[in-house]
N, C-alpha and C. Protein backbone atom coordinates (compact mmCIF):
# COMPACT_ATOMS: atom_id res chain seq x y z
N MET A 1 -9.98 11.81 -11.95
CA MET A 1 -11.40 11.64 -12.15
C MET A 1 -11.75 10.16 -12.33
N CYS A 2 -10.82 9.40 -12.83
CA CYS A 2 -11.06 7.98 -13.08
C CYS A 2 -11.43 7.23 -11.80
N GLU A 3 -10.73 7.54 -10.70
CA GLU A 3 -11.04 6.87 -9.44
C GLU A 3 -12.42 7.26 -8.93
N TRP A 4 -12.81 8.52 -9.14
CA TRP A 4 -14.15 8.98 -8.74
C TRP A 4 -15.22 8.22 -9.52
N VAL A 5 -15.05 8.12 -10.82
CA VAL A 5 -16.00 7.41 -11.67
C VAL A 5 -16.11 5.95 -11.24
N ASP A 6 -14.98 5.33 -10.95
CA ASP A 6 -14.99 3.94 -10.47
C ASP A 6 -15.76 3.82 -9.16
N LEU A 7 -15.56 4.77 -8.25
CA LEU A 7 -16.26 4.75 -6.97
C LEU A 7 -17.77 4.90 -7.17
N VAL A 8 -18.19 5.85 -7.99
CA VAL A 8 -19.61 6.06 -8.25
C VAL A 8 -20.23 4.80 -8.83
N ARG A 9 -19.59 4.21 -9.83
CA ARG A 9 -20.10 3.00 -10.47
C ARG A 9 -20.21 1.86 -9.46
N ALA A 10 -19.17 1.65 -8.67
CA ALA A 10 -19.16 0.57 -7.69
C ALA A 10 -20.24 0.78 -6.62
N LEU A 11 -20.39 2.00 -6.15
CA LEU A 11 -21.41 2.29 -5.15
C LEU A 11 -22.81 2.02 -5.69
N LEU A 12 -23.08 2.50 -6.88
CA LEU A 12 -24.41 2.28 -7.47
C LEU A 12 -24.69 0.80 -7.69
N ARG A 13 -23.72 0.07 -8.18
CA ARG A 13 -23.92 -1.37 -8.38
C ARG A 13 -24.19 -2.08 -7.06
N HIS A 14 -23.46 -1.68 -6.03
CA HIS A 14 -23.68 -2.25 -4.71
C HIS A 14 -25.10 -1.95 -4.22
N LEU A 15 -25.52 -0.70 -4.34
CA LEU A 15 -26.86 -0.31 -3.88
C LEU A 15 -27.96 -1.06 -4.64
N ILE A 16 -27.75 -1.25 -5.93
CA ILE A 16 -28.73 -1.96 -6.75
C ILE A 16 -28.84 -3.42 -6.33
N VAL A 17 -27.71 -4.05 -6.07
CA VAL A 17 -27.73 -5.44 -5.60
C VAL A 17 -28.40 -5.53 -4.23
N ARG A 18 -28.07 -4.60 -3.37
CA ARG A 18 -28.59 -4.67 -2.00
C ARG A 18 -30.07 -4.30 -1.90
N TYR A 19 -30.49 -3.26 -2.66
CA TYR A 19 -31.86 -2.75 -2.48
C TYR A 19 -32.77 -2.98 -3.69
N CYS A 20 -32.27 -3.39 -4.80
CA CYS A 20 -32.95 -3.65 -6.07
C CYS A 20 -33.08 -2.35 -6.88
N ILE A 21 -33.06 -2.50 -8.19
CA ILE A 21 -33.04 -1.36 -9.09
C ILE A 21 -34.29 -0.50 -8.94
N GLU A 22 -35.44 -1.12 -8.70
CA GLU A 22 -36.69 -0.35 -8.58
C GLU A 22 -36.62 0.62 -7.41
N GLU A 23 -36.01 0.19 -6.31
CA GLU A 23 -35.87 1.06 -5.14
C GLU A 23 -34.86 2.17 -5.42
N VAL A 24 -33.71 1.84 -5.95
CA VAL A 24 -32.65 2.84 -6.18
C VAL A 24 -33.10 3.89 -7.19
N ARG A 25 -33.93 3.52 -8.13
CA ARG A 25 -34.46 4.49 -9.10
C ARG A 25 -35.31 5.56 -8.43
N ARG A 26 -35.79 5.31 -7.24
CA ARG A 26 -36.61 6.28 -6.51
C ARG A 26 -35.76 7.32 -5.79
N TRP A 27 -34.46 7.11 -5.69
CA TRP A 27 -33.58 7.99 -4.92
C TRP A 27 -32.92 9.04 -5.81
N PRO A 28 -33.07 10.31 -5.51
CA PRO A 28 -32.32 11.32 -6.26
C PRO A 28 -30.84 11.26 -5.86
N ILE A 29 -29.97 11.19 -6.82
CA ILE A 29 -28.53 11.09 -6.57
C ILE A 29 -27.93 12.47 -6.80
N GLU A 30 -27.40 13.06 -5.74
CA GLU A 30 -26.81 14.38 -5.83
C GLU A 30 -25.30 14.24 -6.01
N VAL A 31 -24.75 15.00 -6.94
CA VAL A 31 -23.33 14.87 -7.28
C VAL A 31 -22.43 15.22 -6.10
N TRP A 32 -22.69 16.35 -5.44
CA TRP A 32 -21.83 16.80 -4.35
C TRP A 32 -22.62 17.77 -3.49
N ASN A 33 -22.30 17.83 -2.22
CA ASN A 33 -22.98 18.73 -1.30
C ASN A 33 -22.25 20.07 -1.22
N GLN A 34 -22.94 21.13 -1.56
CA GLN A 34 -22.47 22.51 -1.44
C GLN A 34 -21.03 22.71 -1.95
N PRO A 35 -20.80 22.48 -3.23
CA PRO A 35 -19.45 22.66 -3.77
C PRO A 35 -18.98 24.11 -3.73
N ASN A 36 -19.87 25.04 -3.44
CA ASN A 36 -19.50 26.45 -3.37
C ASN A 36 -18.91 26.84 -2.02
N LEU A 37 -18.87 25.93 -1.07
CA LEU A 37 -18.33 26.22 0.25
C LEU A 37 -17.03 25.45 0.48
N ASP A 38 -15.96 26.18 0.86
CA ASP A 38 -14.66 25.54 1.10
C ASP A 38 -14.71 24.48 2.20
N ILE A 39 -15.65 24.60 3.12
CA ILE A 39 -15.73 23.63 4.20
C ILE A 39 -16.10 22.24 3.67
N PHE A 40 -16.76 22.18 2.52
CA PHE A 40 -17.15 20.90 1.93
C PHE A 40 -16.24 20.47 0.78
N TRP A 41 -15.54 21.44 0.17
CA TRP A 41 -14.68 21.11 -0.96
C TRP A 41 -13.58 22.18 -1.03
N GLU A 42 -12.50 21.93 -0.31
CA GLU A 42 -11.43 22.92 -0.18
C GLU A 42 -10.81 23.23 -1.54
N HIS A 43 -10.70 24.51 -1.84
CA HIS A 43 -10.07 25.04 -3.05
C HIS A 43 -10.78 24.67 -4.35
N ALA A 44 -11.97 24.15 -4.27
CA ALA A 44 -12.71 23.79 -5.48
C ALA A 44 -13.35 25.05 -6.07
N ASP A 45 -13.64 24.97 -7.33
CA ASP A 45 -14.30 26.09 -8.00
C ASP A 45 -15.39 25.55 -8.92
N GLN A 46 -16.10 26.45 -9.58
CA GLN A 46 -17.18 26.03 -10.45
C GLN A 46 -16.71 25.10 -11.55
N ASP A 47 -15.61 25.42 -12.20
CA ASP A 47 -15.14 24.58 -13.30
C ASP A 47 -14.87 23.15 -12.84
N ALA A 48 -14.25 23.02 -11.66
CA ALA A 48 -13.98 21.69 -11.12
C ALA A 48 -15.29 20.95 -10.83
N TYR A 49 -16.25 21.67 -10.25
CA TYR A 49 -17.54 21.04 -9.99
C TYR A 49 -18.23 20.63 -11.28
N PHE A 50 -18.21 21.50 -12.28
CA PHE A 50 -18.87 21.19 -13.54
C PHE A 50 -18.28 19.93 -14.18
N ARG A 51 -16.96 19.79 -14.12
CA ARG A 51 -16.33 18.58 -14.67
C ARG A 51 -16.75 17.34 -13.86
N LEU A 52 -16.80 17.49 -12.53
CA LEU A 52 -17.23 16.39 -11.67
C LEU A 52 -18.69 16.05 -11.95
N CYS A 53 -19.51 17.06 -12.12
CA CYS A 53 -20.93 16.86 -12.41
C CYS A 53 -21.11 16.08 -13.71
N GLU A 54 -20.40 16.48 -14.73
CA GLU A 54 -20.52 15.79 -16.02
C GLU A 54 -20.07 14.34 -15.91
N ALA A 55 -18.92 14.10 -15.31
CA ALA A 55 -18.41 12.73 -15.18
C ALA A 55 -19.36 11.88 -14.35
N THR A 56 -19.89 12.44 -13.28
CA THR A 56 -20.80 11.70 -12.40
C THR A 56 -22.11 11.38 -13.12
N ALA A 57 -22.70 12.39 -13.74
CA ALA A 57 -23.99 12.19 -14.43
C ALA A 57 -23.86 11.14 -15.53
N ARG A 58 -22.81 11.21 -16.30
CA ARG A 58 -22.64 10.23 -17.38
C ARG A 58 -22.44 8.82 -16.81
N THR A 59 -21.71 8.72 -15.71
CA THR A 59 -21.49 7.42 -15.08
C THR A 59 -22.79 6.85 -14.52
N VAL A 60 -23.55 7.69 -13.82
CA VAL A 60 -24.84 7.25 -13.27
C VAL A 60 -25.73 6.72 -14.38
N LYS A 61 -25.82 7.46 -15.48
CA LYS A 61 -26.70 7.07 -16.58
C LYS A 61 -26.21 5.81 -17.29
N LYS A 62 -24.89 5.58 -17.28
CA LYS A 62 -24.38 4.33 -17.86
C LYS A 62 -24.75 3.13 -17.01
N VAL A 63 -24.80 3.32 -15.70
CA VAL A 63 -25.22 2.23 -14.82
C VAL A 63 -26.69 1.90 -15.09
N ASP A 64 -27.53 2.93 -15.12
CA ASP A 64 -28.95 2.76 -15.45
C ASP A 64 -29.51 4.12 -15.86
N ALA A 65 -30.02 4.20 -17.05
CA ALA A 65 -30.49 5.47 -17.60
C ALA A 65 -31.66 6.05 -16.84
N SER A 66 -32.36 5.24 -16.05
CA SER A 66 -33.51 5.73 -15.29
C SER A 66 -33.15 6.31 -13.93
N LEU A 67 -31.91 6.16 -13.51
CA LEU A 67 -31.50 6.75 -12.24
C LEU A 67 -31.51 8.27 -12.38
N GLN A 68 -31.92 8.95 -11.31
CA GLN A 68 -32.04 10.41 -11.31
C GLN A 68 -30.81 11.03 -10.69
N VAL A 69 -30.15 11.94 -11.42
CA VAL A 69 -28.93 12.56 -10.94
C VAL A 69 -29.01 14.07 -11.13
N GLY A 70 -28.41 14.81 -10.20
CA GLY A 70 -28.42 16.27 -10.31
C GLY A 70 -27.59 16.92 -9.22
N GLY A 71 -27.86 18.19 -9.02
CA GLY A 71 -27.14 18.99 -8.04
C GLY A 71 -27.29 20.45 -8.40
N PRO A 72 -26.53 21.34 -7.89
CA PRO A 72 -25.33 21.19 -7.07
C PRO A 72 -25.54 21.30 -5.57
N ALA A 73 -26.77 21.42 -5.10
CA ALA A 73 -27.04 21.57 -3.67
C ALA A 73 -26.23 22.73 -3.08
N ILE A 74 -26.24 23.85 -3.78
CA ILE A 74 -25.48 25.00 -3.30
C ILE A 74 -26.16 25.64 -2.11
N SER A 75 -25.39 26.38 -1.33
CA SER A 75 -25.93 27.07 -0.17
C SER A 75 -26.53 28.40 -0.61
N PRO A 76 -27.39 28.96 0.22
CA PRO A 76 -27.99 30.25 -0.11
C PRO A 76 -26.93 31.33 -0.35
N GLY A 77 -27.28 32.29 -1.17
CA GLY A 77 -26.36 33.38 -1.46
C GLY A 77 -25.38 33.07 -2.56
N SER A 78 -25.61 32.02 -3.29
CA SER A 78 -24.69 31.60 -4.36
C SER A 78 -25.39 31.61 -5.70
N ASP A 79 -26.13 32.67 -5.97
CA ASP A 79 -26.89 32.75 -7.21
C ASP A 79 -26.02 32.78 -8.46
N GLU A 80 -24.74 33.08 -8.30
CA GLU A 80 -23.83 33.12 -9.45
C GLU A 80 -23.53 31.73 -10.01
N TRP A 81 -24.09 30.70 -9.42
CA TRP A 81 -23.89 29.33 -9.92
C TRP A 81 -24.92 28.94 -10.97
N TRP A 82 -26.11 29.50 -10.94
CA TRP A 82 -27.20 29.00 -11.77
C TRP A 82 -26.98 29.17 -13.27
N ALA A 83 -26.68 30.36 -13.72
CA ALA A 83 -26.51 30.59 -15.17
C ALA A 83 -25.32 29.81 -15.72
N PRO A 84 -24.15 29.83 -15.06
CA PRO A 84 -23.04 29.03 -15.59
C PRO A 84 -23.35 27.53 -15.62
N LEU A 85 -24.06 27.02 -14.60
CA LEU A 85 -24.42 25.61 -14.60
C LEU A 85 -25.35 25.29 -15.76
N ALA A 86 -26.35 26.12 -15.96
CA ALA A 86 -27.29 25.90 -17.08
C ALA A 86 -26.56 25.94 -18.41
N ASP A 87 -25.65 26.89 -18.58
CA ASP A 87 -24.87 26.98 -19.83
C ASP A 87 -24.02 25.73 -20.03
N PHE A 88 -23.36 25.29 -18.96
CA PHE A 88 -22.48 24.13 -19.06
C PHE A 88 -23.25 22.87 -19.43
N VAL A 89 -24.31 22.56 -18.68
CA VAL A 89 -25.03 21.32 -18.96
C VAL A 89 -25.73 21.36 -20.31
N SER A 90 -26.17 22.54 -20.73
CA SER A 90 -26.82 22.66 -22.04
C SER A 90 -25.82 22.50 -23.17
N SER A 91 -24.68 23.18 -23.05
CA SER A 91 -23.70 23.15 -24.14
C SER A 91 -23.04 21.79 -24.29
N ARG A 92 -22.96 21.02 -23.21
CA ARG A 92 -22.29 19.71 -23.25
C ARG A 92 -23.28 18.55 -23.18
N ASP A 93 -24.57 18.87 -23.17
CA ASP A 93 -25.62 17.85 -23.12
C ASP A 93 -25.40 16.90 -21.94
N VAL A 94 -25.14 17.48 -20.77
CA VAL A 94 -24.94 16.70 -19.55
C VAL A 94 -26.30 16.18 -19.07
N PRO A 95 -26.44 14.89 -18.86
CA PRO A 95 -27.75 14.30 -18.55
C PRO A 95 -28.16 14.44 -17.08
N ILE A 96 -28.40 15.67 -16.62
CA ILE A 96 -28.90 15.83 -15.25
C ILE A 96 -30.43 15.91 -15.28
N ASP A 97 -31.03 15.46 -14.20
CA ASP A 97 -32.48 15.40 -14.11
C ASP A 97 -33.07 16.48 -13.21
N PHE A 98 -32.27 17.06 -12.33
CA PHE A 98 -32.78 18.08 -11.42
C PHE A 98 -31.64 18.99 -11.00
N VAL A 99 -32.01 20.16 -10.52
CA VAL A 99 -31.06 21.07 -9.87
C VAL A 99 -31.54 21.25 -8.44
N SER A 100 -30.61 21.55 -7.55
CA SER A 100 -30.98 21.64 -6.14
C SER A 100 -30.20 22.75 -5.44
N ARG A 101 -30.77 23.20 -4.35
CA ARG A 101 -30.10 24.17 -3.49
C ARG A 101 -30.58 23.95 -2.07
N HIS A 102 -29.81 24.41 -1.12
CA HIS A 102 -30.21 24.31 0.27
C HIS A 102 -30.84 25.63 0.69
N ALA A 103 -31.85 25.55 1.48
CA ALA A 103 -32.51 26.73 2.03
C ALA A 103 -32.36 26.70 3.55
N TYR A 104 -31.93 27.80 4.10
CA TYR A 104 -31.77 27.90 5.55
C TYR A 104 -32.63 29.05 6.05
N SER A 105 -33.07 28.92 7.26
CA SER A 105 -33.87 29.97 7.87
C SER A 105 -33.03 31.22 8.07
N SER A 106 -33.65 32.36 7.88
CA SER A 106 -32.93 33.61 8.11
C SER A 106 -33.39 34.29 9.39
N ARG A 107 -34.26 33.64 10.14
CA ARG A 107 -34.76 34.18 11.40
C ARG A 107 -34.17 33.41 12.57
N GLU A 108 -34.37 33.97 13.76
CA GLU A 108 -33.94 33.29 14.97
C GLU A 108 -34.69 31.97 15.11
N PRO A 109 -34.05 30.94 15.66
CA PRO A 109 -34.75 29.66 15.87
C PRO A 109 -35.97 29.84 16.77
N ARG A 110 -37.02 29.11 16.48
CA ARG A 110 -38.24 29.13 17.26
C ARG A 110 -38.35 27.79 17.99
N LEU A 111 -38.57 27.86 19.29
CA LEU A 111 -38.69 26.62 20.06
C LEU A 111 -40.01 25.93 19.73
N ILE A 112 -39.90 24.64 19.49
CA ILE A 112 -41.07 23.78 19.27
C ILE A 112 -40.89 22.57 20.16
N PRO A 113 -41.93 21.79 20.38
CA PRO A 113 -41.75 20.60 21.20
C PRO A 113 -40.61 19.71 20.68
N PHE A 114 -39.74 19.32 21.56
CA PHE A 114 -38.63 18.41 21.25
C PHE A 114 -37.54 19.02 20.39
N GLY A 115 -37.43 20.35 20.34
CA GLY A 115 -36.33 20.92 19.58
C GLY A 115 -36.57 22.37 19.19
N SER A 116 -35.99 22.76 18.09
CA SER A 116 -36.19 24.12 17.59
C SER A 116 -36.35 24.07 16.08
N TYR A 117 -36.95 25.11 15.52
CA TYR A 117 -37.21 25.18 14.09
C TYR A 117 -36.70 26.50 13.57
């Protein structure tokens, strides 16, 4: 986890130098993309994500307390993540600012000009 924390800290510092703190504060920082899918995180589980979420959120807030951090950007059909995540962040006072999920269409694609929707 130490190398991950170092990477997060270094990336944020780089972004702040390059784009300025006022700009970076406008960007929501998501911990990980769809940790509930093996295609994005092989053999990972909720506990591993929760530990990563806590380490990431604390690191982000140490860089600048006004930066917005959250997640887990889970895919649809993963409702079993919400209650455990809420329990974890509440019980450990993890400083997340938002929760997120991905929404996908459940209907056939509809053709629109220049693509499909």
